[in-house]
């Protein structure tokens, strides 16, 4: 499939009406990961670890959807509330979401360039991105702690301190196997983000006019919770995830002759 050749002024596509979220959409967005988390913990409590792992994967994916919206102020929430949401998901998913945010916003400014630390997985093969494992989150956190402004570093250290406290509690005071399972599942999710969150949407895009991939089949988009409309996201990062399918249709109407690079 050829690379998309699109003029840079994608602003011609109407998008500003897609930025806002209705209150019911805000609530639905924030609640989206919780059934998957509850289901995974219930299955793990019954010793059904393989199906629990499948639900943990979906929880991690939908958690990424929430925090990603928070990175761009696209959750329909006040700024301070968004910060608290990021702190909460930092504890549920392990790691500092403020550190990930700092790197992700740099990714938008320097997409696939040398300064783009987040894109390290996209520069490798699929197996190479998987093999990054814990190196990927380690590099993100190290870069954010070194380069983020003081206020952002405060959030990062607070979240990492919370992670350390949770790990210590589960290892000593609350050594419950379900809690240990959840922490291990989230650690695995963090180690696979270079592949699932970066490689899938940016591989083989270096040098393209719009260095991101997208998705078009409705069922596939639903199965991945609209997280793979990444071309649309890079064009209009203010548009919240629930509205990306409509944005994709508008873009297709505006450039009907273009064949986009697809994730799947």
Foldseek 3Di string as FASTA:
>chain_A
DDFWDDDLPPVVQDDPVQLADDPVRLVCLLCVLVVLQVVLLVCVVVVNNVVSLVSLLVSLLSLCQLLLCLLQVRSNDPVVVSLVSQLVVCQQLPARSLLVSVLVVVCLVQPPHPSNLLQPLQADDLVVLLVCFPVSSVVSLVCCCVDPDPVSNVSRVVSNVSNVVLVVCCVPVNVDVSSVSSNVSSSRVNRNCSNPVHNLFAHPQPPGPQRTAAADDPVVCVVSQQSRRVSLCSSPVSRRSVCSNVSVVSVCVVVVPTDHHHSD
